[in-house]
Amino acid sequence: MSFERACAVSDVPTDEALGVTVGEYDVALARDGDEFFAIQDLCSHAAVALSEGEVADCTVECWLHGSRFDLRTGKPTGLPATEPVATFPVEVKGDDIYVDTTTTLNGVTPS
């Protein structure tokens, strides 16, 4: 695995997402309580930034059409999206968040 620093822990508000670029991919870092998740920052339905959506109950909602994606699996949990998005491994080291975009947790190839 090849982890790269994405941002500081304090940069990601609770129950919100933050768009960052890690390696060659745009990633939405989301914080649900004390857990951090990294999901490709691109809705599979409308190709808009998921980082601009709301985070709740371990999902992120696309702001455009309301599709929801599970932050752990990348699977859509609400229409109109039907295709999953890539999820990436996250490590918290001290005050920083690291993401590995060379590996996906769910086998989905980032676009």
N, C-alpha and C. Protein backbone atom coordinates (compact mmCIF):
# COMPACT_ATOMS: atom_id res chain seq x y z
N MET A 1 0.84 -1.18 0.00
CA MET A 1 0.00 0.00 0.00
C MET A 1 0.88 1.24 0.00
N SER A 2 0.33 2.29 -0.59
CA SER A 2 1.08 3.52 -0.73
C SER A 2 0.24 4.70 -0.24
N PHE A 3 0.35 4.99 1.03
CA PHE A 3 -0.45 6.06 1.64
C PHE A 3 0.21 7.41 1.41
N GLU A 4 -0.63 8.41 1.08
CA GLU A 4 -0.18 9.78 0.93
C GLU A 4 -0.98 10.66 1.89
N ARG A 5 -0.32 11.68 2.41
CA ARG A 5 -1.03 12.61 3.30
C ARG A 5 -2.10 13.34 2.51
N ALA A 6 -3.33 13.36 3.04
CA ALA A 6 -4.44 14.03 2.38
C ALA A 6 -4.74 15.38 3.02
N CYS A 7 -4.73 15.42 4.37
CA CYS A 7 -5.02 16.65 5.08
C CYS A 7 -4.86 16.41 6.58
N ALA A 8 -5.10 17.45 7.35
CA ALA A 8 -5.10 17.31 8.81
C ALA A 8 -6.47 16.80 9.26
N VAL A 9 -6.50 16.09 10.36
CA VAL A 9 -7.75 15.60 10.93
C VAL A 9 -8.71 16.77 11.16
N SER A 10 -8.19 17.88 11.64
CA SER A 10 -9.03 19.04 11.95
C SER A 10 -9.65 19.69 10.71
N ASP A 11 -9.16 19.35 9.51
CA ASP A 11 -9.72 19.91 8.28
C ASP A 11 -11.07 19.30 7.90
N VAL A 12 -11.38 18.12 8.45
CA VAL A 12 -12.61 17.42 8.10
C VAL A 12 -13.62 17.57 9.23
N PRO A 13 -14.63 18.42 9.04
CA PRO A 13 -15.62 18.61 10.10
C PRO A 13 -16.44 17.34 10.34
N THR A 14 -16.94 17.16 11.54
CA THR A 14 -17.79 16.02 11.86
C THR A 14 -19.04 16.06 10.99
N ASP A 15 -19.40 14.91 10.46
CA ASP A 15 -20.60 14.75 9.62
C ASP A 15 -20.60 15.62 8.37
N GLU A 16 -19.41 15.87 7.84
CA GLU A 16 -19.27 16.59 6.58
C GLU A 16 -18.17 15.94 5.77
N ALA A 17 -18.04 16.34 4.52
CA ALA A 17 -17.00 15.82 3.64
C ALA A 17 -16.10 16.96 3.18
N LEU A 18 -14.89 16.60 2.80
CA LEU A 18 -13.91 17.56 2.30
C LEU A 18 -13.32 17.00 1.01
N GLY A 19 -13.34 17.78 -0.05
CA GLY A 19 -12.74 17.35 -1.31
C GLY A 19 -11.25 17.63 -1.31
N VAL A 20 -10.46 16.61 -1.63
CA VAL A 20 -9.00 16.73 -1.72
C VAL A 20 -8.53 15.94 -2.94
N THR A 21 -7.34 16.24 -3.39
CA THR A 21 -6.72 15.45 -4.45
C THR A 21 -5.60 14.62 -3.83
N VAL A 22 -5.66 13.32 -4.05
CA VAL A 22 -4.63 12.41 -3.55
C VAL A 22 -4.16 11.60 -4.75
N GLY A 23 -2.85 11.69 -5.03
CA GLY A 23 -2.35 11.03 -6.24
C GLY A 23 -3.03 11.64 -7.45
N GLU A 24 -3.62 10.79 -8.27
CA GLU A 24 -4.29 11.29 -9.48
C GLU A 24 -5.81 11.37 -9.34
N TYR A 25 -6.33 11.17 -8.14
CA TYR A 25 -7.78 11.13 -7.97
C TYR A 25 -8.30 12.22 -7.03
N ASP A 26 -9.51 12.68 -7.35
CA ASP A 26 -10.24 13.55 -6.44
C ASP A 26 -10.97 12.64 -5.46
N VAL A 27 -10.79 12.92 -4.18
CA VAL A 27 -11.32 12.08 -3.12
C VAL A 27 -12.17 12.94 -2.19
N ALA A 28 -13.28 12.38 -1.76
CA ALA A 28 -14.09 13.01 -0.72
C ALA A 28 -13.74 12.32 0.59
N LEU A 29 -13.15 13.07 1.51
CA LEU A 29 -12.87 12.54 2.84
C LEU A 29 -14.07 12.89 3.71
N ALA A 30 -14.61 11.89 4.36
CA ALA A 30 -15.80 12.12 5.17
C ALA A 30 -15.54 11.65 6.59
N ARG A 31 -16.15 12.37 7.49
CA ARG A 31 -16.04 12.04 8.91
C ARG A 31 -17.43 11.74 9.42
N ASP A 32 -17.60 10.54 9.92
CA ASP A 32 -18.86 10.14 10.53
C ASP A 32 -18.53 9.79 11.98
N GLY A 33 -18.82 10.70 12.88
CA GLY A 33 -18.41 10.51 14.27
C GLY A 33 -16.90 10.57 14.36
N ASP A 34 -16.30 9.50 14.88
CA ASP A 34 -14.84 9.44 15.01
C ASP A 34 -14.18 8.67 13.88
N GLU A 35 -14.95 8.21 12.90
CA GLU A 35 -14.40 7.43 11.79
C GLU A 35 -14.22 8.30 10.55
N PHE A 36 -13.16 8.00 9.79
CA PHE A 36 -12.87 8.71 8.55
C PHE A 36 -12.96 7.73 7.38
N PHE A 37 -13.48 8.23 6.27
CA PHE A 37 -13.66 7.42 5.07
C PHE A 37 -13.18 8.21 3.87
N ALA A 38 -12.70 7.48 2.85
CA ALA A 38 -12.28 8.10 1.59
C ALA A 38 -13.05 7.44 0.46
N ILE A 39 -13.77 8.25 -0.30
CA ILE A 39 -14.58 7.76 -1.40
C ILE A 39 -14.29 8.65 -2.61
N GLN A 40 -14.33 8.07 -3.79
CA GLN A 40 -14.07 8.88 -4.98
C GLN A 40 -15.05 10.04 -5.01
N ASP A 41 -14.54 11.21 -5.27
CA ASP A 41 -15.34 12.44 -5.23
C ASP A 41 -16.06 12.66 -6.55
N LEU A 42 -16.84 11.66 -6.96
CA LEU A 42 -17.53 11.73 -8.24
C LEU A 42 -18.75 10.84 -8.20
N CYS A 43 -19.93 11.43 -8.24
CA CYS A 43 -21.17 10.65 -8.25
C CYS A 43 -21.21 9.81 -9.52
N SER A 44 -21.55 8.54 -9.39
CA SER A 44 -21.59 7.65 -10.55
C SER A 44 -22.81 7.92 -11.43
N HIS A 45 -23.73 8.70 -10.96
CA HIS A 45 -24.93 9.01 -11.74
C HIS A 45 -24.77 10.29 -12.55
N ALA A 46 -24.27 11.34 -11.90
CA ALA A 46 -24.26 12.65 -12.57
C ALA A 46 -22.88 13.29 -12.66
N ALA A 47 -21.83 12.60 -12.23
CA ALA A 47 -20.46 13.12 -12.33
C ALA A 47 -20.29 14.48 -11.68
N VAL A 48 -20.83 14.64 -10.47
CA VAL A 48 -20.61 15.85 -9.69
C VAL A 48 -19.92 15.47 -8.38
N ALA A 49 -19.37 16.44 -7.69
CA ALA A 49 -18.58 16.21 -6.49
C ALA A 49 -19.45 15.74 -5.32
N LEU A 50 -19.13 14.56 -4.80
CA LEU A 50 -19.82 14.06 -3.60
C LEU A 50 -19.41 14.85 -2.36
N SER A 51 -18.24 15.47 -2.40
CA SER A 51 -17.76 16.23 -1.23
C SER A 51 -18.66 17.43 -0.92
N GLU A 52 -19.51 17.80 -1.84
CA GLU A 52 -20.42 18.93 -1.62
C GLU A 52 -21.75 18.47 -1.03
N GLY A 53 -21.89 17.16 -0.81
CA GLY A 53 -23.13 16.61 -0.27
C GLY A 53 -23.09 16.50 1.24
N GLU A 54 -24.20 16.04 1.80
CA GLU A 54 -24.33 15.87 3.24
C GLU A 54 -23.92 14.47 3.66
N VAL A 55 -23.30 14.36 4.84
CA VAL A 55 -22.88 13.09 5.41
C VAL A 55 -23.76 12.78 6.62
N ALA A 56 -24.34 11.58 6.63
CA ALA A 56 -25.16 11.13 7.75
C ALA A 56 -25.27 9.62 7.73
N ASP A 57 -25.23 9.01 8.89
CA ASP A 57 -25.41 7.55 9.01
C ASP A 57 -24.50 6.76 8.08
N CYS A 58 -23.24 7.17 8.00
CA CYS A 58 -22.21 6.50 7.20
C CYS A 58 -22.53 6.51 5.70
N THR A 59 -23.25 7.54 5.25
CA THR A 59 -23.50 7.73 3.83
C THR A 59 -23.21 9.18 3.46
N VAL A 60 -23.01 9.40 2.16
CA VAL A 60 -22.90 10.76 1.63
C VAL A 60 -23.96 10.89 0.55
N GLU A 61 -24.63 12.04 0.57
CA GLU A 61 -25.70 12.29 -0.40
C GLU A 61 -25.21 13.22 -1.49
N CYS A 62 -25.44 12.86 -2.73
CA CYS A 62 -25.10 13.72 -3.85
C CYS A 62 -26.05 14.92 -3.83
N TRP A 63 -25.50 16.09 -3.90
CA TRP A 63 -26.29 17.32 -3.79
C TRP A 63 -27.19 17.56 -5.00
N LEU A 64 -26.90 16.95 -6.14
CA LEU A 64 -27.64 17.27 -7.35
C LEU A 64 -28.98 16.53 -7.46
N HIS A 65 -28.94 15.20 -7.33
CA HIS A 65 -30.16 14.42 -7.49
C HIS A 65 -30.53 13.59 -6.27
N GLY A 66 -29.73 13.66 -5.21
CA GLY A 66 -30.08 12.98 -3.97
C GLY A 66 -29.65 11.53 -3.84
N SER A 67 -28.85 11.02 -4.76
CA SER A 67 -28.33 9.66 -4.60
C SER A 67 -27.49 9.60 -3.33
N ARG A 68 -27.56 8.49 -2.62
CA ARG A 68 -26.75 8.31 -1.42
C ARG A 68 -25.79 7.14 -1.67
N PHE A 69 -24.59 7.26 -1.09
CA PHE A 69 -23.57 6.22 -1.22
C PHE A 69 -23.07 5.84 0.16
N ASP A 70 -22.93 4.54 0.40
CA ASP A 70 -22.37 4.04 1.65
C ASP A 70 -20.89 4.37 1.67
N LEU A 71 -20.42 5.05 2.69
CA LEU A 71 -19.01 5.46 2.77
C LEU A 71 -18.08 4.27 2.93
N ARG A 72 -18.57 3.15 3.47
CA ARG A 72 -17.72 1.97 3.67
C ARG A 72 -17.56 1.15 2.41
N THR A 73 -18.61 1.07 1.59
CA THR A 73 -18.60 0.17 0.43
C THR A 73 -18.65 0.88 -0.91
N GLY A 74 -19.06 2.14 -0.91
CA GLY A 74 -19.21 2.87 -2.16
C GLY A 74 -20.50 2.54 -2.90
N LYS A 75 -21.28 1.62 -2.38
CA LYS A 75 -22.52 1.20 -3.05
C LYS A 75 -23.60 2.27 -2.89
N PRO A 76 -24.38 2.48 -3.96
CA PRO A 76 -25.49 3.42 -3.83
C PRO A 76 -26.57 2.84 -2.92
N THR A 77 -27.11 3.67 -2.06
CA THR A 77 -28.18 3.23 -1.17
C THR A 77 -29.48 3.94 -1.49
N GLY A 78 -29.45 4.76 -2.53
CA GLY A 78 -30.64 5.47 -2.97
C GLY A 78 -30.53 5.89 -4.41
N LEU A 79 -31.62 5.79 -5.14
CA LEU A 79 -31.66 6.16 -6.55
C LEU A 79 -31.53 7.68 -6.68
N PRO A 80 -31.10 8.17 -7.84
CA PRO A 80 -31.07 7.49 -9.12
C PRO A 80 -29.76 6.74 -9.43
N ALA A 81 -28.72 6.85 -8.61
CA ALA A 81 -27.47 6.14 -8.88
C ALA A 81 -27.68 4.63 -8.72
N THR A 82 -27.06 3.86 -9.61
CA THR A 82 -27.13 2.40 -9.55
C THR A 82 -25.75 1.76 -9.53
N GLU A 83 -24.72 2.53 -9.81
CA GLU A 83 -23.34 2.01 -9.86
C GLU A 83 -22.55 2.52 -8.65
N PRO A 84 -21.70 1.66 -8.06
CA PRO A 84 -20.88 2.08 -6.93
C PRO A 84 -19.74 2.99 -7.36
N VAL A 85 -19.16 3.67 -6.38
CA VAL A 85 -17.96 4.46 -6.60
C VAL A 85 -16.83 3.86 -5.76
N ALA A 86 -15.60 4.13 -6.13
CA ALA A 86 -14.44 3.56 -5.44
C ALA A 86 -14.31 4.09 -4.02
N THR A 87 -13.90 3.22 -3.13
CA THR A 87 -13.54 3.61 -1.76
C THR A 87 -12.09 3.23 -1.52
N PHE A 88 -11.40 4.02 -0.70
CA PHE A 88 -9.97 3.86 -0.52
C PHE A 88 -9.62 3.67 0.95
N PRO A 89 -8.51 2.96 1.23
CA PRO A 89 -8.05 2.80 2.61
C PRO A 89 -7.62 4.14 3.21
N VAL A 90 -7.92 4.30 4.50
CA VAL A 90 -7.59 5.53 5.24
C VAL A 90 -6.81 5.14 6.49
N GLU A 91 -5.79 5.92 6.80
CA GLU A 91 -5.06 5.78 8.06
C GLU A 91 -4.97 7.15 8.71
N VAL A 92 -5.15 7.19 10.01
CA VAL A 92 -4.94 8.41 10.77
C VAL A 92 -3.65 8.22 11.55
N LYS A 93 -2.71 9.12 11.34
CA LYS A 93 -1.42 9.08 12.03
C LYS A 93 -1.24 10.43 12.71
N GLY A 94 -1.34 10.40 14.02
CA GLY A 94 -1.23 11.66 14.76
C GLY A 94 -2.37 12.58 14.39
N ASP A 95 -2.03 13.75 13.87
CA ASP A 95 -3.02 14.76 13.49
C ASP A 95 -3.32 14.77 12.00
N ASP A 96 -2.84 13.76 11.27
CA ASP A 96 -2.98 13.76 9.81
C ASP A 96 -3.74 12.54 9.31
N ILE A 97 -4.39 12.73 8.15
CA ILE A 97 -5.11 11.65 7.48
C ILE A 97 -4.35 11.27 6.22
N TYR A 98 -4.15 9.98 6.04
CA TYR A 98 -3.47 9.44 4.87
C TYR A 98 -4.42 8.53 4.10
N VAL A 99 -4.33 8.59 2.76
CA VAL A 99 -5.19 7.79 1.90
C VAL A 99 -4.32 7.07 0.88
N ASP A 100 -4.69 5.83 0.57
CA ASP A 100 -4.01 5.05 -0.47
C ASP A 100 -4.93 4.94 -1.67
N THR A 101 -4.66 5.70 -2.73
CA THR A 101 -5.49 5.64 -3.92
C THR A 101 -5.00 4.61 -4.93
N THR A 102 -3.94 3.85 -4.58
CA THR A 102 -3.48 2.79 -5.47
C THR A 102 -4.24 1.49 -5.22
N THR A 103 -5.03 1.47 -4.16
CA THR A 103 -5.80 0.29 -3.78
C THR A 103 -7.24 0.73 -3.50
N THR A 104 -8.20 -0.05 -3.95
CA THR A 104 -9.58 0.24 -3.58
C THR A 104 -10.06 -0.84 -2.63
N LEU A 105 -10.92 -0.45 -1.70
CA LEU A 105 -11.45 -1.41 -0.72
C LEU A 105 -12.56 -2.25 -1.32
N ASN A 106 -13.21 -1.74 -2.35
CA ASN A 106 -14.37 -2.43 -2.90
C ASN A 106 -14.17 -2.98 -4.30
N GLY A 107 -12.96 -2.88 -4.84
CA GLY A 107 -12.67 -3.43 -6.16
C GLY A 107 -13.16 -2.59 -7.33
N VAL A 108 -13.75 -1.43 -7.06
CA VAL A 108 -14.24 -0.56 -8.12
C VAL A 108 -13.06 0.27 -8.64
N THR A 109 -12.87 0.28 -9.93
CA THR A 109 -11.80 1.07 -10.53
C THR A 109 -12.23 2.53 -10.60
N PRO A 110 -11.44 3.43 -10.01
CA PRO A 110 -11.80 4.86 -10.07
C PRO A 110 -11.81 5.35 -11.51
N SER A 111 -12.71 6.27 -11.79
CA SER A 111 -12.77 6.82 -13.15
C SER A 111 -12.14 8.19 -13.20
